[in-house]
mmCIF file of all heavy atoms, coordinates in Angstrom:
data_MODEL
# 
_entry.id   MODEL 
# 
loop_
_atom_site.group_PDB 
_atom_site.id 
_atom_site.type_symbol 
_atom_site.label_atom_id 
_atom_site.label_alt_id 
_atom_site.label_comp_id 
_atom_site.label_asym_id 
_atom_site.label_entity_id 
_atom_site.label_seq_id 
_atom_site.pdbx_PDB_ins_code 
_atom_site.Cartn_x 
_atom_site.Cartn_y 
_atom_site.Cartn_z 
_atom_site.occupancy 
_atom_site.B_iso_or_equiv 
_atom_site.pdbx_formal_charge 
_atom_site.auth_seq_id 
_atom_site.auth_comp_id 
_atom_site.auth_asym_id 
_atom_site.auth_atom_id 
_atom_site.pdbx_PDB_model_num 
ATOM 1   N N   . ARG A 1 1  ? 11.283  14.317 -8.210  1.00 0.00 ? 1  ARG A N   1 
ATOM 2   C CA  . ARG A 1 1  ? 11.201  12.943 -7.691  1.00 0.00 ? 1  ARG A CA  1 
ATOM 3   C C   . ARG A 1 1  ? 10.435  12.897 -6.373  1.00 0.00 ? 1  ARG A C   1 
ATOM 4   O O   . ARG A 1 1  ? 9.729   11.927 -6.093  1.00 0.00 ? 1  ARG A O   1 
ATOM 5   C CB  . ARG A 1 1  ? 12.590  12.336 -7.552  1.00 0.00 ? 1  ARG A CB  1 
ATOM 6   C CG  . ARG A 1 1  ? 13.495  13.003 -6.551  1.00 0.00 ? 1  ARG A CG  1 
ATOM 7   C CD  . ARG A 1 1  ? 14.864  12.317 -6.511  1.00 0.00 ? 1  ARG A CD  1 
ATOM 8   N NE  . ARG A 1 1  ? 15.826  13.128 -5.820  1.00 0.00 ? 1  ARG A NE  1 
ATOM 9   C CZ  . ARG A 1 1  ? 16.610  14.026 -6.381  1.00 0.00 ? 1  ARG A CZ  1 
ATOM 10  N NH1 . ARG A 1 1  ? 16.547  14.223 -7.679  1.00 0.00 ? 1  ARG A NH1 1 
ATOM 11  N NH2 . ARG A 1 1  ? 17.460  14.720 -5.670  1.00 0.00 ? 1  ARG A NH2 1 
ATOM 12  N N   . TYR A 1 2  ? 10.530  13.962 -5.566  1.00 0.00 ? 2  TYR A N   1 
ATOM 13  C CA  . TYR A 1 2  ? 9.781   13.992 -4.313  1.00 0.00 ? 2  TYR A CA  1 
ATOM 14  C C   . TYR A 1 2  ? 8.292   14.270 -4.556  1.00 0.00 ? 2  TYR A C   1 
ATOM 15  O O   . TYR A 1 2  ? 7.441   13.777 -3.828  1.00 0.00 ? 2  TYR A O   1 
ATOM 16  C CB  . TYR A 1 2  ? 10.372  15.000 -3.344  1.00 0.00 ? 2  TYR A CB  1 
ATOM 17  C CG  . TYR A 1 2  ? 11.758  14.621 -2.897  1.00 0.00 ? 2  TYR A CG  1 
ATOM 18  C CD1 . TYR A 1 2  ? 12.825  15.495 -3.044  1.00 0.00 ? 2  TYR A CD1 1 
ATOM 19  C CD2 . TYR A 1 2  ? 12.012  13.371 -2.346  1.00 0.00 ? 2  TYR A CD2 1 
ATOM 20  C CE1 . TYR A 1 2  ? 14.097  15.150 -2.650  1.00 0.00 ? 2  TYR A CE1 1 
ATOM 21  C CE2 . TYR A 1 2  ? 13.284  13.013 -1.950  1.00 0.00 ? 2  TYR A CE2 1 
ATOM 22  C CZ  . TYR A 1 2  ? 14.318  13.900 -2.102  1.00 0.00 ? 2  TYR A CZ  1 
ATOM 23  O OH  . TYR A 1 2  ? 15.583  13.539 -1.713  1.00 0.00 ? 2  TYR A OH  1 
ATOM 24  N N   . LYS A 1 3  ? 8.012   15.101 -5.563  1.00 0.00 ? 3  LYS A N   1 
ATOM 25  C CA  . LYS A 1 3  ? 6.605   15.320 -5.928  1.00 0.00 ? 3  LYS A CA  1 
ATOM 26  C C   . LYS A 1 3  ? 5.985   13.996 -6.375  1.00 0.00 ? 3  LYS A C   1 
ATOM 27  O O   . LYS A 1 3  ? 4.880   13.637 -5.956  1.00 0.00 ? 3  LYS A O   1 
ATOM 28  C CB  . LYS A 1 3  ? 6.489   16.329 -7.072  1.00 0.00 ? 3  LYS A CB  1 
ATOM 29  C CG  . LYS A 1 3  ? 6.751   17.754 -6.719  1.00 0.00 ? 3  LYS A CG  1 
ATOM 30  C CD  . LYS A 1 3  ? 6.517   18.600 -7.954  1.00 0.00 ? 3  LYS A CD  1 
ATOM 31  C CE  . LYS A 1 3  ? 7.291   19.873 -7.893  1.00 0.00 ? 3  LYS A CE  1 
ATOM 32  N NZ  . LYS A 1 3  ? 7.169   20.670 -9.114  1.00 0.00 ? 3  LYS A NZ  1 
ATOM 33  N N   . LEU A 1 4  ? 6.694   13.296 -7.235  1.00 0.00 ? 4  LEU A N   1 
ATOM 34  C CA  . LEU A 1 4  ? 6.192   12.019 -7.740  1.00 0.00 ? 4  LEU A CA  1 
ATOM 35  C C   . LEU A 1 4  ? 6.046   11.001 -6.615  1.00 0.00 ? 4  LEU A C   1 
ATOM 36  O O   . LEU A 1 4  ? 5.047   10.274 -6.548  1.00 0.00 ? 4  LEU A O   1 
ATOM 37  C CB  . LEU A 1 4  ? 7.123   11.496 -8.831  1.00 0.00 ? 4  LEU A CB  1 
ATOM 38  C CG  . LEU A 1 4  ? 6.602   10.377 -9.712  1.00 0.00 ? 4  LEU A CG  1 
ATOM 39  C CD1 . LEU A 1 4  ? 5.317   10.806 -10.403 1.00 0.00 ? 4  LEU A CD1 1 
ATOM 40  C CD2 . LEU A 1 4  ? 7.645   9.990  -10.740 1.00 0.00 ? 4  LEU A CD2 1 
ATOM 41  N N   . LEU A 1 5  ? 7.025   10.963 -5.716  1.00 0.00 ? 5  LEU A N   1 
ATOM 42  C CA  . LEU A 1 5  ? 6.942   10.059 -4.571  1.00 0.00 ? 5  LEU A CA  1 
ATOM 43  C C   . LEU A 1 5  ? 5.722   10.398 -3.708  1.00 0.00 ? 5  LEU A C   1 
ATOM 44  O O   . LEU A 1 5  ? 4.969   9.511  -3.296  1.00 0.00 ? 5  LEU A O   1 
ATOM 45  C CB  . LEU A 1 5  ? 8.222   10.135 -3.729  1.00 0.00 ? 5  LEU A CB  1 
ATOM 46  C CG  . LEU A 1 5  ? 8.223   9.298  -2.454  1.00 0.00 ? 5  LEU A CG  1 
ATOM 47  C CD1 . LEU A 1 5  ? 8.198   7.809  -2.805  1.00 0.00 ? 5  LEU A CD1 1 
ATOM 48  C CD2 . LEU A 1 5  ? 9.441   9.630  -1.606  1.00 0.00 ? 5  LEU A CD2 1 
ATOM 49  N N   . GLY A 1 6  ? 5.503   11.678 -3.449  1.00 0.00 ? 6  GLY A N   1 
ATOM 50  C CA  . GLY A 1 6  ? 4.342   12.103 -2.675  1.00 0.00 ? 6  GLY A CA  1 
ATOM 51  C C   . GLY A 1 6  ? 3.041   11.712 -3.349  1.00 0.00 ? 6  GLY A C   1 
ATOM 52  O O   . GLY A 1 6  ? 2.095   11.264 -2.691  1.00 0.00 ? 6  GLY A O   1 
ATOM 53  N N   . GLN A 1 7  ? 2.980   11.856 -4.665  1.00 0.00 ? 7  GLN A N   1 
ATOM 54  C CA  . GLN A 1 7  ? 1.779   11.473 -5.393  1.00 0.00 ? 7  GLN A CA  1 
ATOM 55  C C   . GLN A 1 7  ? 1.537   9.973  -5.314  1.00 0.00 ? 7  GLN A C   1 
ATOM 56  O O   . GLN A 1 7  ? 0.395   9.528  -5.142  1.00 0.00 ? 7  GLN A O   1 
ATOM 57  C CB  . GLN A 1 7  ? 1.877   11.931 -6.845  1.00 0.00 ? 7  GLN A CB  1 
ATOM 58  C CG  . GLN A 1 7  ? 1.805   13.427 -6.993  1.00 0.00 ? 7  GLN A CG  1 
ATOM 59  C CD  . GLN A 1 7  ? 2.111   13.905 -8.396  1.00 0.00 ? 7  GLN A CD  1 
ATOM 60  O OE1 . GLN A 1 7  ? 2.523   13.147 -9.266  1.00 0.00 ? 7  GLN A OE1 1 
ATOM 61  N NE2 . GLN A 1 7  ? 1.919   15.191 -8.621  1.00 0.00 ? 7  GLN A NE2 1 
ATOM 62  N N   . PHE A 1 8  ? 2.589   9.180  -5.429  1.00 0.00 ? 8  PHE A N   1 
ATOM 63  C CA  . PHE A 1 8  ? 2.440   7.731  -5.303  1.00 0.00 ? 8  PHE A CA  1 
ATOM 64  C C   . PHE A 1 8  ? 1.989   7.344  -3.892  1.00 0.00 ? 8  PHE A C   1 
ATOM 65  O O   . PHE A 1 8  ? 1.147   6.456  -3.733  1.00 0.00 ? 8  PHE A O   1 
ATOM 66  C CB  . PHE A 1 8  ? 3.746   7.010  -5.648  1.00 0.00 ? 8  PHE A CB  1 
ATOM 67  C CG  . PHE A 1 8  ? 3.926   6.760  -7.113  1.00 0.00 ? 8  PHE A CG  1 
ATOM 68  C CD1 . PHE A 1 8  ? 4.992   7.325  -7.790  1.00 0.00 ? 8  PHE A CD1 1 
ATOM 69  C CD2 . PHE A 1 8  ? 3.036   5.964  -7.822  1.00 0.00 ? 8  PHE A CD2 1 
ATOM 70  C CE1 . PHE A 1 8  ? 5.169   7.105  -9.139  1.00 0.00 ? 8  PHE A CE1 1 
ATOM 71  C CE2 . PHE A 1 8  ? 3.205   5.734  -9.169  1.00 0.00 ? 8  PHE A CE2 1 
ATOM 72  C CZ  . PHE A 1 8  ? 4.275   6.308  -9.836  1.00 0.00 ? 8  PHE A CZ  1 
ATOM 73  N N   . VAL A 1 9  ? 2.544   7.996  -2.886  1.00 0.00 ? 9  VAL A N   1 
ATOM 74  C CA  . VAL A 1 9  ? 2.166   7.683  -1.504  1.00 0.00 ? 9  VAL A CA  1 
ATOM 75  C C   . VAL A 1 9  ? 0.695   8.033  -1.268  1.00 0.00 ? 9  VAL A C   1 
ATOM 76  O O   . VAL A 1 9  ? -0.069  7.228  -0.707  1.00 0.00 ? 9  VAL A O   1 
ATOM 77  C CB  . VAL A 1 9  ? 3.089   8.415  -0.499  1.00 0.00 ? 9  VAL A CB  1 
ATOM 78  C CG1 . VAL A 1 9  ? 2.531   8.367  0.910   1.00 0.00 ? 9  VAL A CG1 1 
ATOM 79  C CG2 . VAL A 1 9  ? 4.485   7.821  -0.540  1.00 0.00 ? 9  VAL A CG2 1 
ATOM 80  N N   . ILE A 1 10 ? 0.281   9.213  -1.701  1.00 0.00 ? 10 ILE A N   1 
ATOM 81  C CA  . ILE A 1 10 ? -1.118  9.631  -1.521  1.00 0.00 ? 10 ILE A CA  1 
ATOM 82  C C   . ILE A 1 10 ? -2.051  8.703  -2.290  1.00 0.00 ? 10 ILE A C   1 
ATOM 83  O O   . ILE A 1 10 ? -3.042  8.194  -1.746  1.00 0.00 ? 10 ILE A O   1 
ATOM 84  C CB  . ILE A 1 10 ? -1.309  11.097 -1.959  1.00 0.00 ? 10 ILE A CB  1 
ATOM 85  C CG1 . ILE A 1 10 ? -0.596  12.026 -0.987  1.00 0.00 ? 10 ILE A CG1 1 
ATOM 86  C CG2 . ILE A 1 10 ? -2.796  11.455 -2.061  1.00 0.00 ? 10 ILE A CG2 1 
ATOM 87  C CD1 . ILE A 1 10 ? -0.467  13.446 -1.489  1.00 0.00 ? 10 ILE A CD1 1 
ATOM 88  N N   . GLY A 1 11 ? -1.734  8.480  -3.551  1.00 0.00 ? 11 GLY A N   1 
ATOM 89  C CA  . GLY A 1 11 ? -2.573  7.597  -4.362  1.00 0.00 ? 11 GLY A CA  1 
ATOM 90  C C   . GLY A 1 11 ? -2.628  6.182  -3.811  1.00 0.00 ? 11 GLY A C   1 
ATOM 91  O O   . GLY A 1 11 ? -3.692  5.559  -3.743  1.00 0.00 ? 11 GLY A O   1 
ATOM 92  N N   . GLY A 1 12 ? -1.474  5.659  -3.386  1.00 0.00 ? 12 GLY A N   1 
ATOM 93  C CA  . GLY A 1 12 ? -1.427  4.303  -2.828  1.00 0.00 ? 12 GLY A CA  1 
ATOM 94  C C   . GLY A 1 12 ? -2.186  4.192  -1.519  1.00 0.00 ? 12 GLY A C   1 
ATOM 95  O O   . GLY A 1 12 ? -2.884  3.196  -1.281  1.00 0.00 ? 12 GLY A O   1 
ATOM 96  N N   . ALA A 1 13 ? -2.067  5.207  -0.675  1.00 0.00 ? 13 ALA A N   1 
ATOM 97  C CA  . ALA A 1 13 ? -2.768  5.180  0.613   1.00 0.00 ? 13 ALA A CA  1 
ATOM 98  C C   . ALA A 1 13 ? -4.282  5.210  0.401   1.00 0.00 ? 13 ALA A C   1 
ATOM 99  O O   . ALA A 1 13 ? -5.026  4.437  1.021   1.00 0.00 ? 13 ALA A O   1 
ATOM 100 C CB  . ALA A 1 13 ? -2.331  6.356  1.480   1.00 0.00 ? 13 ALA A CB  1 
ATOM 101 N N   . VAL A 1 14 ? -4.748  6.084  -0.481  1.00 0.00 ? 14 VAL A N   1 
ATOM 102 C CA  . VAL A 1 14 ? -6.189  6.181  -0.727  1.00 0.00 ? 14 VAL A CA  1 
ATOM 103 C C   . VAL A 1 14 ? -6.692  4.918  -1.421  1.00 0.00 ? 14 VAL A C   1 
ATOM 104 O O   . VAL A 1 14 ? -7.750  4.390  -1.070  1.00 0.00 ? 14 VAL A O   1 
ATOM 105 C CB  . VAL A 1 14 ? -6.516  7.448  -1.550  1.00 0.00 ? 14 VAL A CB  1 
ATOM 106 C CG1 . VAL A 1 14 ? -7.953  7.446  -2.022  1.00 0.00 ? 14 VAL A CG1 1 
ATOM 107 C CG2 . VAL A 1 14 ? -6.235  8.693  -0.724  1.00 0.00 ? 14 VAL A CG2 1 
ATOM 108 N N   . LEU A 1 15 ? -5.940  4.406  -2.377  1.00 0.00 ? 15 LEU A N   1 
ATOM 109 C CA  . LEU A 1 15 ? -6.329  3.178  -3.057  1.00 0.00 ? 15 LEU A CA  1 
ATOM 110 C C   . LEU A 1 15 ? -6.406  2.010  -2.075  1.00 0.00 ? 15 LEU A C   1 
ATOM 111 O O   . LEU A 1 15 ? -7.358  1.223  -2.097  1.00 0.00 ? 15 LEU A O   1 
ATOM 112 C CB  . LEU A 1 15 ? -5.348  2.855  -4.184  1.00 0.00 ? 15 LEU A CB  1 
ATOM 113 C CG  . LEU A 1 15 ? -5.629  1.584  -4.979  1.00 0.00 ? 15 LEU A CG  1 
ATOM 114 C CD1 . LEU A 1 15 ? -6.931  1.716  -5.746  1.00 0.00 ? 15 LEU A CD1 1 
ATOM 115 C CD2 . LEU A 1 15 ? -4.483  1.292  -5.918  1.00 0.00 ? 15 LEU A CD2 1 
ATOM 116 N N   . SER A 1 16 ? -5.442  1.919  -1.186  1.00 0.00 ? 16 SER A N   1 
ATOM 117 C CA  . SER A 1 16 ? -5.450  0.855  -0.180  1.00 0.00 ? 16 SER A CA  1 
ATOM 118 C C   . SER A 1 16 ? -6.645  0.985  0.743   1.00 0.00 ? 16 SER A C   1 
ATOM 119 O O   . SER A 1 16 ? -7.296  -0.008 1.084   1.00 0.00 ? 16 SER A O   1 
ATOM 120 C CB  . SER A 1 16 ? -4.167  0.893  0.650   1.00 0.00 ? 16 SER A CB  1 
ATOM 121 O OG  . SER A 1 16 ? -3.054  0.655  -0.162  1.00 0.00 ? 16 SER A OG  1 
ATOM 122 N N   . TYR A 1 17 ? -6.947  2.202  1.155   1.00 0.00 ? 17 TYR A N   1 
ATOM 123 C CA  . TYR A 1 17 ? -8.091  2.417  2.032   1.00 0.00 ? 17 TYR A CA  1 
ATOM 124 C C   . TYR A 1 17 ? -9.386  1.993  1.349   1.00 0.00 ? 17 TYR A C   1 
ATOM 125 O O   . TYR A 1 17 ? -10.212 1.294  1.931   1.00 0.00 ? 17 TYR A O   1 
ATOM 126 C CB  . TYR A 1 17 ? -8.178  3.877  2.471   1.00 0.00 ? 17 TYR A CB  1 
ATOM 127 C CG  . TYR A 1 17 ? -9.384  4.150  3.322   1.00 0.00 ? 17 TYR A CG  1 
ATOM 128 C CD1 . TYR A 1 17 ? -9.425  3.734  4.651   1.00 0.00 ? 17 TYR A CD1 1 
ATOM 129 C CD2 . TYR A 1 17 ? -10.505 4.772  2.796   1.00 0.00 ? 17 TYR A CD2 1 
ATOM 130 C CE1 . TYR A 1 17 ? -10.545 3.951  5.430   1.00 0.00 ? 17 TYR A CE1 1 
ATOM 131 C CE2 . TYR A 1 17 ? -11.626 4.994  3.565   1.00 0.00 ? 17 TYR A CE2 1 
ATOM 132 C CZ  . TYR A 1 17 ? -11.641 4.582  4.880   1.00 0.00 ? 17 TYR A CZ  1 
ATOM 133 O OH  . TYR A 1 17 ? -12.758 4.788  5.644   1.00 0.00 ? 17 TYR A OH  1 
ATOM 134 N N   . VAL A 1 18 ? -9.573  2.425  0.109   1.00 0.00 ? 18 VAL A N   1 
ATOM 135 C CA  . VAL A 1 18 ? -10.795 2.076  -0.616  1.00 0.00 ? 18 VAL A CA  1 
ATOM 136 C C   . VAL A 1 18 ? -10.880 0.571  -0.838  1.00 0.00 ? 18 VAL A C   1 
ATOM 137 O O   . VAL A 1 18 ? -11.933 -0.033 -0.676  1.00 0.00 ? 18 VAL A O   1 
ATOM 138 C CB  . VAL A 1 18 ? -10.865 2.824  -1.966  1.00 0.00 ? 18 VAL A CB  1 
ATOM 139 C CG1 . VAL A 1 18 ? -11.962 2.270  -2.860  1.00 0.00 ? 18 VAL A CG1 1 
ATOM 140 C CG2 . VAL A 1 18 ? -11.085 4.302  -1.738  1.00 0.00 ? 18 VAL A CG2 1 
ATOM 141 N N   . TYR A 1 19 ? -9.765  -0.042 -1.173  1.00 0.00 ? 19 TYR A N   1 
ATOM 142 C CA  . TYR A 1 19 ? -9.770  -1.458 -1.506  1.00 0.00 ? 19 TYR A CA  1 
ATOM 143 C C   . TYR A 1 19 ? -9.989  -2.343 -0.284  1.00 0.00 ? 19 TYR A C   1 
ATOM 144 O O   . TYR A 1 19 ? -10.717 -3.322 -0.345  1.00 0.00 ? 19 TYR A O   1 
ATOM 145 C CB  . TYR A 1 19 ? -8.463  -1.829 -2.204  1.00 0.00 ? 19 TYR A CB  1 
ATOM 146 C CG  . TYR A 1 19 ? -8.512  -3.192 -2.831  1.00 0.00 ? 19 TYR A CG  1 
ATOM 147 C CD1 . TYR A 1 19 ? -9.146  -3.381 -4.046  1.00 0.00 ? 19 TYR A CD1 1 
ATOM 148 C CD2 . TYR A 1 19 ? -7.945  -4.287 -2.209  1.00 0.00 ? 19 TYR A CD2 1 
ATOM 149 C CE1 . TYR A 1 19 ? -9.214  -4.624 -4.631  1.00 0.00 ? 19 TYR A CE1 1 
ATOM 150 C CE2 . TYR A 1 19 ? -8.003  -5.542 -2.785  1.00 0.00 ? 19 TYR A CE2 1 
ATOM 151 C CZ  . TYR A 1 19 ? -8.643  -5.708 -3.995  1.00 0.00 ? 19 TYR A CZ  1 
ATOM 152 O OH  . TYR A 1 19 ? -8.703  -6.940 -4.563  1.00 0.00 ? 19 TYR A OH  1 
ATOM 153 N N   . PHE A 1 20 ? -9.350  -1.987 0.828   1.00 0.00 ? 20 PHE A N   1 
ATOM 154 C CA  . PHE A 1 20 ? -9.404  -2.854 2.000   1.00 0.00 ? 20 PHE A CA  1 
ATOM 155 C C   . PHE A 1 20 ? -10.429 -2.460 3.045   1.00 0.00 ? 20 PHE A C   1 
ATOM 156 O O   . PHE A 1 20 ? -10.624 -3.173 4.017   1.00 0.00 ? 20 PHE A O   1 
ATOM 157 C CB  . PHE A 1 20 ? -8.019  -2.953 2.654   1.00 0.00 ? 20 PHE A CB  1 
ATOM 158 C CG  . PHE A 1 20 ? -7.027  -3.651 1.782   1.00 0.00 ? 20 PHE A CG  1 
ATOM 159 C CD1 . PHE A 1 20 ? -5.955  -2.969 1.243   1.00 0.00 ? 20 PHE A CD1 1 
ATOM 160 C CD2 . PHE A 1 20 ? -7.172  -5.001 1.498   1.00 0.00 ? 20 PHE A CD2 1 
ATOM 161 C CE1 . PHE A 1 20 ? -5.043  -3.614 0.440   1.00 0.00 ? 20 PHE A CE1 1 
ATOM 162 C CE2 . PHE A 1 20 ? -6.264  -5.651 0.689   1.00 0.00 ? 20 PHE A CE2 1 
ATOM 163 C CZ  . PHE A 1 20 ? -5.190  -4.959 0.152   1.00 0.00 ? 20 PHE A CZ  1 
ATOM 164 N N   . ASN A 1 21 ? -11.083 -1.318 2.881   1.00 0.00 ? 21 ASN A N   1 
ATOM 165 C CA  . ASN A 1 21 ? -12.065 -0.871 3.854   1.00 0.00 ? 21 ASN A CA  1 
ATOM 166 C C   . ASN A 1 21 ? -13.285 -1.788 3.821   1.00 0.00 ? 21 ASN A C   1 
ATOM 167 O O   . ASN A 1 21 ? -13.892 -2.000 2.781   1.00 0.00 ? 21 ASN A O   1 
ATOM 168 C CB  . ASN A 1 21 ? -12.489 0.568  3.559   1.00 0.00 ? 21 ASN A CB  1 
ATOM 169 C CG  . ASN A 1 21 ? -13.438 1.096  4.596   1.00 0.00 ? 21 ASN A CG  1 
ATOM 170 O OD1 . ASN A 1 21 ? -13.514 0.597  5.709   1.00 0.00 ? 21 ASN A OD1 1 
ATOM 171 N ND2 . ASN A 1 21 ? -14.179 2.126  4.226   1.00 0.00 ? 21 ASN A ND2 1 
ATOM 172 N N   . GLN A 1 22 ? -13.660 -2.336 4.963   1.00 0.00 ? 22 GLN A N   1 
ATOM 173 C CA  . GLN A 1 22 ? -14.786 -3.264 5.039   1.00 0.00 ? 22 GLN A CA  1 
ATOM 174 C C   . GLN A 1 22 ? -16.051 -2.609 5.595   1.00 0.00 ? 22 GLN A C   1 
ATOM 175 O O   . GLN A 1 22 ? -17.111 -3.202 5.547   1.00 0.00 ? 22 GLN A O   1 
ATOM 176 C CB  . GLN A 1 22 ? -14.408 -4.451 5.944   1.00 0.00 ? 22 GLN A CB  1 
ATOM 177 C CG  . GLN A 1 22 ? -13.284 -5.285 5.405   1.00 0.00 ? 22 GLN A CG  1 
ATOM 178 C CD  . GLN A 1 22 ? -13.731 -6.154 4.240   1.00 0.00 ? 22 GLN A CD  1 
ATOM 179 O OE1 . GLN A 1 22 ? -14.870 -6.578 4.182   1.00 0.00 ? 22 GLN A OE1 1 
ATOM 180 N NE2 . GLN A 1 22 ? -12.832 -6.400 3.312   1.00 0.00 ? 22 GLN A NE2 1 
ATOM 181 N N   . SER A 1 23 ? -15.938 -1.420 6.140   1.00 0.00 ? 23 SER A N   1 
ATOM 182 C CA  . SER A 1 23 ? -17.099 -0.802 6.776   1.00 0.00 ? 23 SER A CA  1 
ATOM 183 C C   . SER A 1 23 ? -17.996 -0.120 5.739   1.00 0.00 ? 23 SER A C   1 
ATOM 184 O O   . SER A 1 23 ? -17.524 0.405  4.736   1.00 0.00 ? 23 SER A O   1 
ATOM 185 C CB  . SER A 1 23 ? -16.644 0.219  7.812   1.00 0.00 ? 23 SER A CB  1 
ATOM 186 O OG  . SER A 1 23 ? -15.924 1.250  7.189   1.00 0.00 ? 23 SER A OG  1 
ATOM 187 N N   . HIS A 1 24 ? -19.282 -0.136 6.004   1.00 0.00 ? 24 HIS A N   1 
ATOM 188 C CA  . HIS A 1 24 ? -20.279 0.556  5.178   1.00 0.00 ? 24 HIS A CA  1 
ATOM 189 C C   . HIS A 1 24 ? -20.241 0.118  3.718   1.00 0.00 ? 24 HIS A C   1 
ATOM 190 O O   . HIS A 1 24 ? -20.343 0.945  2.826   1.00 0.00 ? 24 HIS A O   1 
ATOM 191 C CB  . HIS A 1 24 ? -20.100 2.072  5.248   1.00 0.00 ? 24 HIS A CB  1 
ATOM 192 C CG  . HIS A 1 24 ? -20.028 2.597  6.625   1.00 0.00 ? 24 HIS A CG  1 
ATOM 193 N ND1 . HIS A 1 24 ? -21.067 2.460  7.530   1.00 0.00 ? 24 HIS A ND1 1 
ATOM 194 C CD2 . HIS A 1 24 ? -19.054 3.236  7.293   1.00 0.00 ? 24 HIS A CD2 1 
ATOM 195 C CE1 . HIS A 1 24 ? -20.719 3.013  8.669   1.00 0.00 ? 24 HIS A CE1 1 
ATOM 196 N NE2 . HIS A 1 24 ? -19.511 3.485  8.557   1.00 0.00 ? 24 HIS A NE2 1 
ATOM 197 N N   . VAL A 1 25 ? -20.081 -1.173 3.489   1.00 0.00 ? 25 VAL A N   1 
ATOM 198 C CA  . VAL A 1 25 ? -20.064 -1.645 2.106   1.00 0.00 ? 25 VAL A CA  1 
ATOM 199 C C   . VAL A 1 25 ? -21.140 -2.704 1.911   1.00 0.00 ? 25 VAL A C   1 
ATOM 200 O O   . VAL A 1 25 ? -21.414 -3.487 2.805   1.00 0.00 ? 25 VAL A O   1 
ATOM 201 C CB  . VAL A 1 25 ? -18.685 -2.213 1.709   1.00 0.00 ? 25 VAL A CB  1 
ATOM 202 C CG1 . VAL A 1 25 ? -17.652 -1.138 1.681   1.00 0.00 ? 25 VAL A CG1 1 
ATOM 203 C CG2 . VAL A 1 25 ? -18.261 -3.337 2.615   1.00 0.00 ? 25 VAL A CG2 1 
ATOM 204 N N   . PRO A 1 26 ? -21.742 -2.732 0.728   1.00 0.00 ? 26 PRO A N   1 
ATOM 205 C CA  . PRO A 1 26 ? -22.748 -3.762 0.467   1.00 0.00 ? 26 PRO A CA  1 
ATOM 206 C C   . PRO A 1 26 ? -22.111 -5.140 0.314   1.00 0.00 ? 26 PRO A C   1 
ATOM 207 O O   . PRO A 1 26 ? -20.887 -5.269 0.210   1.00 0.00 ? 26 PRO A O   1 
ATOM 208 C CB  . PRO A 1 26 ? -23.390 -3.298 -0.847  1.00 0.00 ? 26 PRO A CB  1 
ATOM 209 C CG  . PRO A 1 26 ? -22.443 -2.346 -1.448  1.00 0.00 ? 26 PRO A CG  1 
ATOM 210 C CD  . PRO A 1 26 ? -21.615 -1.773 -0.342  1.00 0.00 ? 26 PRO A CD  1 
# 
């Protein structure tokens, strides 16, 4: 359950960064 939680946190953090990042985008 902690492995899965860690994977969700990592995936969610990276997904949020990619989705909401406004710098260097066309």
